């Protein structure tokens, strides 16, 4: 179903814009595929969350996660089934943690310290389909990622709502997991893909 849908969209774009090169079409289709997978995956995961009574927790967690992911990027699964299974496990599990876990101050600070180190070392983490070729862009996203961690930490100092505090730190932890080289290795995916282009500008 996914392949048929994407092929239809590609043909439609190609007919509408015949001057587009294959590289341009591939770039557009990467975004279209991302939207398609996000929508279908979200429907499934949110349906499960509704049945389990953790919809609100999942919503807050996804907001926190997706904001840091804008800058730190990270691993994408090789296929939609793997992505769906992995995402369901990690986000439904994370939503349960957001609902039932209460972190003491020392543990929270320690987790933020670890997250800051991981982000400072490994963010942004690119993919084969979206290599971060330009060095200036990588530096920019690293700085933005670090700033986001500091913003999350500052919010956690002043916000007294346990759900929001948990959503911020667990969303951050999930992102940290997805940018680690060992995670890429576990899923047999190449890391630091920009190196393959021999560019560092």
C-alpha atoms as a PDB file:
ATOM      1  CA  UNK A   1       0.000   0.000   0.000  1.00  0.00           C
ATOM      2  CA  UNK A   2       2.777   2.411   0.934  1.00  0.00           C
ATOM      3  CA  UNK A   3       4.768   1.713  -2.231  1.00  0.00           C
ATOM      4  CA  UNK A   4       1.718   2.169  -4.436  1.00  0.00           C
ATOM      5  CA  UNK A   5       0.813   5.437  -2.725  1.00  0.00           C
ATOM      6  CA  UNK A   6       4.342   6.842  -3.006  1.00  0.00           C
ATOM      7  CA  UNK A   7       4.663   5.793  -6.648  1.00  0.00           C
ATOM      8  CA  UNK A   8       1.387   7.544  -7.403  1.00  0.00           C
ATOM      9  CA  UNK A   9       2.574  10.744  -5.732  1.00  0.00           C
ATOM     10  CA  UNK A  10       5.913  10.590  -7.569  1.00  0.00           C
ATOM     11  CA  UNK A  11       4.166  10.152 -10.923  1.00  0.00           C
ATOM     12  CA  UNK A  12       1.831  13.031 -10.132  1.00  0.00           C
ATOM     13  CA  UNK A  13       4.721  15.359  -9.261  1.00  0.00           C
ATOM     14  CA  UNK A  14       6.697  14.257 -12.322  1.00  0.00           C
ATOM     15  CA  UNK A  15       3.747  14.951 -14.607  1.00  0.00           C
ATOM     16  CA  UNK A  16       3.148  18.315 -12.995  1.00  0.00           C
ATOM     17  CA  UNK A  17       6.831  19.321 -13.032  1.00  0.00           C
ATOM     18  CA  UNK A  18       8.524  17.474 -15.924  1.00  0.00           C
ATOM     19  CA  UNK A  19      11.705  19.553 -15.584  1.00  0.00           C
ATOM     20  CA  UNK A  20      12.480  18.167 -12.123  1.00  0.00           C
ATOM     21  CA  UNK A  21      15.567  15.951 -12.046  1.00  0.00           C
ATOM     22  CA  UNK A  22      15.551  12.531 -10.396  1.00  0.00           C
ATOM     23  CA  UNK A  23      17.601  13.969  -7.521  1.00  0.00           C
ATOM     24  CA  UNK A  24      14.981  16.660  -6.981  1.00  0.00           C
ATOM     25  CA  UNK A  25      12.199  14.080  -7.105  1.00  0.00           C
ATOM     26  CA  UNK A  26      14.067  11.865  -4.649  1.00  0.00           C
ATOM     27  CA  UNK A  27      14.422  14.816  -2.273  1.00  0.00           C
ATOM     28  CA  UNK A  28      10.699  15.590  -2.467  1.00  0.00           C
ATOM     29  CA  UNK A  29       9.719  11.945  -2.071  1.00  0.00           C
ATOM     30  CA  UNK A  30      11.902  11.621   1.013  1.00  0.00           C
ATOM     31  CA  UNK A  31       9.768  14.287   2.650  1.00  0.00           C
ATOM     32  CA  UNK A  32       6.512  12.762   1.375  1.00  0.00           C
ATOM     33  CA  UNK A  33       7.510   9.333   2.662  1.00  0.00           C
ATOM     34  CA  UNK A  34       8.378  10.847   6.040  1.00  0.00           C
ATOM     35  CA  UNK A  35       4.949  12.479   6.273  1.00  0.00           C
ATOM     36  CA  UNK A  36       3.198   9.261   5.229  1.00  0.00           C
ATOM     37  CA  UNK A  37       5.074   7.151   7.777  1.00  0.00           C
ATOM     38  CA  UNK A  38       4.550   9.724  10.508  1.00  0.00           C
ATOM     39  CA  UNK A  39       0.792   9.848   9.936  1.00  0.00           C
ATOM     40  CA  UNK A  40       0.269   6.078   9.743  1.00  0.00           C
ATOM     41  CA  UNK A  41       2.588   5.413  12.671  1.00  0.00           C
ATOM     42  CA  UNK A  42       0.939   8.129  14.757  1.00  0.00           C
ATOM     43  CA  UNK A  43      -2.547   6.720  14.148  1.00  0.00           C
ATOM     44  CA  UNK A  44      -1.494   3.270  15.352  1.00  0.00           C
ATOM     45  CA  UNK A  45       0.458   4.469  18.397  1.00  0.00           C
ATOM     46  CA  UNK A  46      -2.188   6.972  19.492  1.00  0.00           C
ATOM     47  CA  UNK A  47      -4.895   4.317  19.146  1.00  0.00           C
ATOM     48  CA  UNK A  48      -2.927   2.025  21.465  1.00  0.00           C
ATOM     49  CA  UNK A  49      -2.358   4.894  23.895  1.00  0.00           C
ATOM     50  CA  UNK A  50      -6.090   5.628  23.977  1.00  0.00           C
ATOM     51  CA  UNK A  51      -6.859   2.003  24.783  1.00  0.00           C
ATOM     52  CA  UNK A  52      -4.242   2.002  27.554  1.00  0.00           C
ATOM     53  CA  UNK A  53      -5.319   5.343  29.011  1.00  0.00           C
ATOM     54  CA  UNK A  54      -1.999   7.106  28.396  1.00  0.00           C
ATOM     55  CA  UNK A  55      -2.974   9.415  25.528  1.00  0.00           C
ATOM     56  CA  UNK A  56      -2.085  12.647  27.325  1.00  0.00           C
ATOM     57  CA  UNK A  57       1.272  11.260  28.464  1.00  0.00           C
ATOM     58  CA  UNK A  58       2.102  10.140  24.937  1.00  0.00           C
ATOM     59  CA  UNK A  59       1.176  13.529  23.504  1.00  0.00           C
ATOM     60  CA  UNK A  60       3.450  15.430  25.894  1.00  0.00           C
ATOM     61  CA  UNK A  61       6.273  12.946  25.348  1.00  0.00           C
ATOM     62  CA  UNK A  62       6.072  13.236  21.563  1.00  0.00           C
ATOM     63  CA  UNK A  63       6.112  17.035  21.724  1.00  0.00           C
ATOM     64  CA  UNK A  64       9.270  17.010  23.853  1.00  0.00           C
ATOM     65  CA  UNK A  65      10.922  14.348  21.708  1.00  0.00           C
ATOM     66  CA  UNK A  66      10.134  15.904  18.335  1.00  0.00           C
ATOM     67  CA  UNK A  67      11.373  19.338  19.372  1.00  0.00           C
ATOM     68  CA  UNK A  68      14.880  18.129  20.264  1.00  0.00           C
ATOM     69  CA  UNK A  69      14.849  15.854  17.197  1.00  0.00           C
ATOM     70  CA  UNK A  70      14.462  18.925  14.975  1.00  0.00           C
ATOM     71  CA  UNK A  71      18.088  19.765  15.758  1.00  0.00           C
ATOM     72  CA  UNK A  72      19.741  16.511  16.889  1.00  0.00           C
ATOM     73  CA  UNK A  73      18.187  14.334  14.164  1.00  0.00           C
ATOM     74  CA  UNK A  74      19.022  10.651  14.717  1.00  0.00           C
ATOM     75  CA  UNK A  75      18.414   7.155  13.434  1.00  0.00           C
ATOM     76  CA  UNK A  76      15.509   6.119  11.254  1.00  0.00           C
ATOM     77  CA  UNK A  77      14.596   2.454  10.903  1.00  0.00           C
ATOM     78  CA  UNK A  78      15.315   0.763   7.574  1.00  0.00           C
ATOM     79  CA  UNK A  79      11.697  -0.175   6.928  1.00  0.00           C
ATOM     80  CA  UNK A  80       8.243   0.907   8.044  1.00  0.00           C
ATOM     81  CA  UNK A  81       7.447  -2.293   9.989  1.00  0.00           C
ATOM     82  CA  UNK A  82      10.627  -2.054  12.068  1.00  0.00           C
ATOM     83  CA  UNK A  83       9.943   1.636  12.597  1.00  0.00           C
ATOM     84  CA  UNK A  84       6.391   0.974  13.761  1.00  0.00           C
ATOM     85  CA  UNK A  85       7.377  -1.813  16.175  1.00  0.00           C
ATOM     86  CA  UNK A  86      10.341   0.101  17.614  1.00  0.00           C
ATOM     87  CA  UNK A  87       8.379   3.362  17.896  1.00  0.00           C
ATOM     88  CA  UNK A  88       5.417   1.654  19.555  1.00  0.00           C
ATOM     89  CA  UNK A  89       7.599  -0.031  22.162  1.00  0.00           C
ATOM     90  CA  UNK A  90       9.694   3.028  22.969  1.00  0.00           C
ATOM     91  CA  UNK A  91       6.920   5.641  23.007  1.00  0.00           C
ATOM     92  CA  UNK A  92       4.229   3.574  24.716  1.00  0.00           C
ATOM     93  CA  UNK A  93       6.834   2.514  27.267  1.00  0.00           C
ATOM     94  CA  UNK A  94       7.971   6.106  27.646  1.00  0.00           C
ATOM     95  CA  UNK A  95       4.394   7.292  28.132  1.00  0.00           C
ATOM     96  CA  UNK A  96       3.943   4.790  30.961  1.00  0.00           C
ATOM     97  CA  UNK A  97       7.123   6.112  32.577  1.00  0.00           C
ATOM     98  CA  UNK A  98       5.818   9.667  32.239  1.00  0.00           C
ATOM     99  CA  UNK A  99       2.609   8.672  34.007  1.00  0.00           C
ATOM    100  CA  UNK A 100       3.919   6.541  36.852  1.00  0.00           C
ATOM    101  CA  UNK A 101       7.533   7.535  37.549  1.00  0.00           C
ATOM    102  CA  UNK A 102       8.502  10.305  39.947  1.00  0.00           C
ATOM    103  CA  UNK A 103      12.175  11.269  39.730  1.00  0.00           C
ATOM    104  CA  UNK A 104      13.988  12.772  42.692  1.00  0.00           C
ATOM    105  CA  UNK A 105      16.021  15.923  42.102  1.00  0.00           C
ATOM    106  CA  UNK A 106      19.450  14.240  42.132  1.00  0.00           C
ATOM    107  CA  UNK A 107      18.385  11.613  39.596  1.00  0.00           C
ATOM    108  CA  UNK A 108      16.835  14.249  37.355  1.00  0.00           C
ATOM    109  CA  UNK A 109      19.994  16.373  37.438  1.00  0.00           C
ATOM    110  CA  UNK A 110      22.147  13.334  36.699  1.00  0.00           C
ATOM    111  CA  UNK A 111      20.012  12.368  33.711  1.00  0.00           C
ATOM    112  CA  UNK A 112      20.231  15.898  32.333  1.00  0.00           C
ATOM    113  CA  UNK A 113      23.996  15.912  32.804  1.00  0.00           C
ATOM    114  CA  UNK A 114      24.334  12.620  30.921  1.00  0.00           C
ATOM    115  CA  UNK A 115      21.974  13.839  28.192  1.00  0.00           C
ATOM    116  CA  UNK A 116      23.971  17.060  27.793  1.00  0.00           C
ATOM    117  CA  UNK A 117      27.205  15.090  27.362  1.00  0.00           C
ATOM    118  CA  UNK A 118      25.629  12.727  24.821  1.00  0.00           C
ATOM    119  CA  UNK A 119      24.105  15.596  22.841  1.00  0.00           C
ATOM    120  CA  UNK A 120      27.351  17.597  22.928  1.00  0.00           C
ATOM    121  CA  UNK A 121      29.332  14.634  21.580  1.00  0.00           C
ATOM    122  CA  UNK A 122      26.975  12.941  19.133  1.00  0.00           C
ATOM    123  CA  UNK A 123      24.410  15.488  17.917  1.00  0.00           C
ATOM    124  CA  UNK A 124      23.480  15.952  15.179  1.00  0.00           C
ATOM    125  CA  UNK A 125      23.373  12.373  13.900  1.00  0.00           C
ATOM    126  CA  UNK A 126      22.541  12.069  10.220  1.00  0.00           C
ATOM    127  CA  UNK A 127      21.230   9.252   8.029  1.00  0.00           C
ATOM    128  CA  UNK A 128      22.030   7.816   4.606  1.00  0.00           C
ATOM    129  CA  UNK A 129      19.016   9.560   3.120  1.00  0.00           C
ATOM    130  CA  UNK A 130      19.738  12.839   4.868  1.00  0.00           C
ATOM    131  CA  UNK A 131      23.490  13.306   5.317  1.00  0.00           C
ATOM    132  CA  UNK A 132      24.580  16.534   6.984  1.00  0.00           C
ATOM    133  CA  UNK A 133      27.324  17.352   4.520  1.00  0.00           C
ATOM    134  CA  UNK A 134      28.103  20.942   5.459  1.00  0.00           C
ATOM    135  CA  UNK A 135      30.226  21.406   8.566  1.00  0.00           C
ATOM    136  CA  UNK A 136      28.660  24.793   9.366  1.00  0.00           C
ATOM    137  CA  UNK A 137      25.229  23.190   9.396  1.00  0.00           C
ATOM    138  CA  UNK A 138      26.410  20.403  11.725  1.00  0.00           C
ATOM    139  CA  UNK A 139      27.870  22.961  14.129  1.00  0.00           C
ATOM    140  CA  UNK A 140      24.667  25.015  14.029  1.00  0.00           C
ATOM    141  CA  UNK A 141      22.486  22.016  14.832  1.00  0.00           C
ATOM    142  CA  UNK A 142      24.848  20.920  17.619  1.00  0.00           C
ATOM    143  CA  UNK A 143      24.596  24.332  19.258  1.00  0.00           C
ATOM    144  CA  UNK A 144      20.794  24.365  18.880  1.00  0.00           C
ATOM    145  CA  UNK A 145      20.618  20.860  20.355  1.00  0.00           C
ATOM    146  CA  UNK A 146      22.674  21.878  23.387  1.00  0.00           C
ATOM    147  CA  UNK A 147      20.550  25.008  23.872  1.00  0.00           C
ATOM    148  CA  UNK A 148      17.409  22.836  23.760  1.00  0.00           C
ATOM    149  CA  UNK A 149      18.780  20.579  26.503  1.00  0.00           C
ATOM    150  CA  UNK A 150      19.501  23.628  28.638  1.00  0.00           C
ATOM    151  CA  UNK A 151      15.991  24.963  27.998  1.00  0.00           C
ATOM    152  CA  UNK A 152      14.479  21.629  29.029  1.00  0.00           C
ATOM    153  CA  UNK A 153      16.589  21.637  32.185  1.00  0.00           C
ATOM    154  CA  UNK A 154      15.591  25.206  33.051  1.00  0.00           C
ATOM    155  CA  UNK A 155      11.914  24.399  32.541  1.00  0.00           C
ATOM    156  CA  UNK A 156      12.291  21.394  34.823  1.00  0.00           C
ATOM    157  CA  UNK A 157      13.595  23.681  37.573  1.00  0.00           C
ATOM    158  CA  UNK A 158      10.538  25.919  37.560  1.00  0.00           C
ATOM    159  CA  UNK A 159       7.684  23.660  36.445  1.00  0.00           C
ATOM    160  CA  UNK A 160       6.074  21.654  39.224  1.00  0.00           C
ATOM    161  CA  UNK A 161       3.996  19.399  36.968  1.00  0.00           C
ATOM    162  CA  UNK A 162       5.421  15.865  37.136  1.00  0.00           C
ATOM    163  CA  UNK A 163       4.061  14.905  33.706  1.00  0.00           C
ATOM    164  CA  UNK A 164       5.786  17.801  31.960  1.00  0.00           C
ATOM    165  CA  UNK A 165       9.061  17.191  33.825  1.00  0.00           C
ATOM    166  CA  UNK A 166       8.990  13.509  32.888  1.00  0.00           C
ATOM    167  CA  UNK A 167       8.043  14.243  29.290  1.00  0.00           C
ATOM    168  CA  UNK A 168      10.988  16.596  28.872  1.00  0.00           C
ATOM    169  CA  UNK A 169      13.610  14.248  30.306  1.00  0.00           C
ATOM    170  CA  UNK A 170      12.270  11.017  28.808  1.00  0.00           C
ATOM    171  CA  UNK A 171      11.810  12.658  25.399  1.00  0.00           C
ATOM    172  CA  UNK A 172      15.415  13.779  25.663  1.00  0.00           C
ATOM    173  CA  UNK A 173      16.603  10.316  26.710  1.00  0.00           C
ATOM    174  CA  UNK A 174      14.856   8.695  23.747  1.00  0.00           C
ATOM    175  CA  UNK A 175      16.557  11.157  21.411  1.00  0.00           C
ATOM    176  CA  UNK A 176      19.934  10.471  23.029  1.00  0.00           C
ATOM    177  CA  UNK A 177      19.449   6.749  22.407  1.00  0.00           C
ATOM    178  CA  UNK A 178      18.665   7.414  18.747  1.00  0.00           C
ATOM    179  CA  UNK A 179      21.864   9.398  18.109  1.00  0.00           C
ATOM    180  CA  UNK A 180      24.284   6.950  19.738  1.00  0.00           C
ATOM    181  CA  UNK A 181      26.666   5.081  17.412  1.00  0.00           C
ATOM    182  CA  UNK A 182      25.849   1.825  19.219  1.00  0.00           C
ATOM    183  CA  UNK A 183      22.176   2.223  18.277  1.00  0.00           C
ATOM    184  CA  UNK A 184      23.088   2.673  14.624  1.00  0.00           C
ATOM    185  CA  UNK A 185      25.313  -0.393  14.886  1.00  0.00           C
ATOM    186  CA  UNK A 186      22.560  -2.468  16.515  1.00  0.00           C
ATOM    187  CA  UNK A 187      20.274  -1.732  13.568  1.00  0.00           C
ATOM    188  CA  UNK A 188      23.132  -2.229  11.074  1.00  0.00           C
ATOM    189  CA  UNK A 189      22.969   1.330   9.824  1.00  0.00           C
ATOM    190  CA  UNK A 190      25.932   3.552   8.802  1.00  0.00           C
ATOM    191  CA  UNK A 191      26.915   6.395  11.125  1.00  0.00           C
ATOM    192  CA  UNK A 192      28.282   9.842  10.210  1.00  0.00           C
ATOM    193  CA  UNK A 193      27.192   9.483   6.617  1.00  0.00           C
ATOM    194  CA  UNK A 194      28.563  12.874   5.606  1.00  0.00           C
ATOM    195  CA  UNK A 195      32.075  11.389   5.695  1.00  0.00           C
ATOM    196  CA  UNK A 196      31.256   9.345   2.588  1.00  0.00           C
ATOM    197  CA  UNK A 197      30.951  12.558   0.583  1.00  0.00           C
ATOM    198  CA  UNK A 198      34.512  13.637   1.309  1.00  0.00           C
ATOM    199  CA  UNK A 199      33.261  17.120   2.144  1.00  0.00           C
ATOM    200  CA  UNK A 200      33.756  19.162   5.268  1.00  0.00           C
ATOM    201  CA  UNK A 201      32.614  22.642   4.305  1.00  0.00           C
END
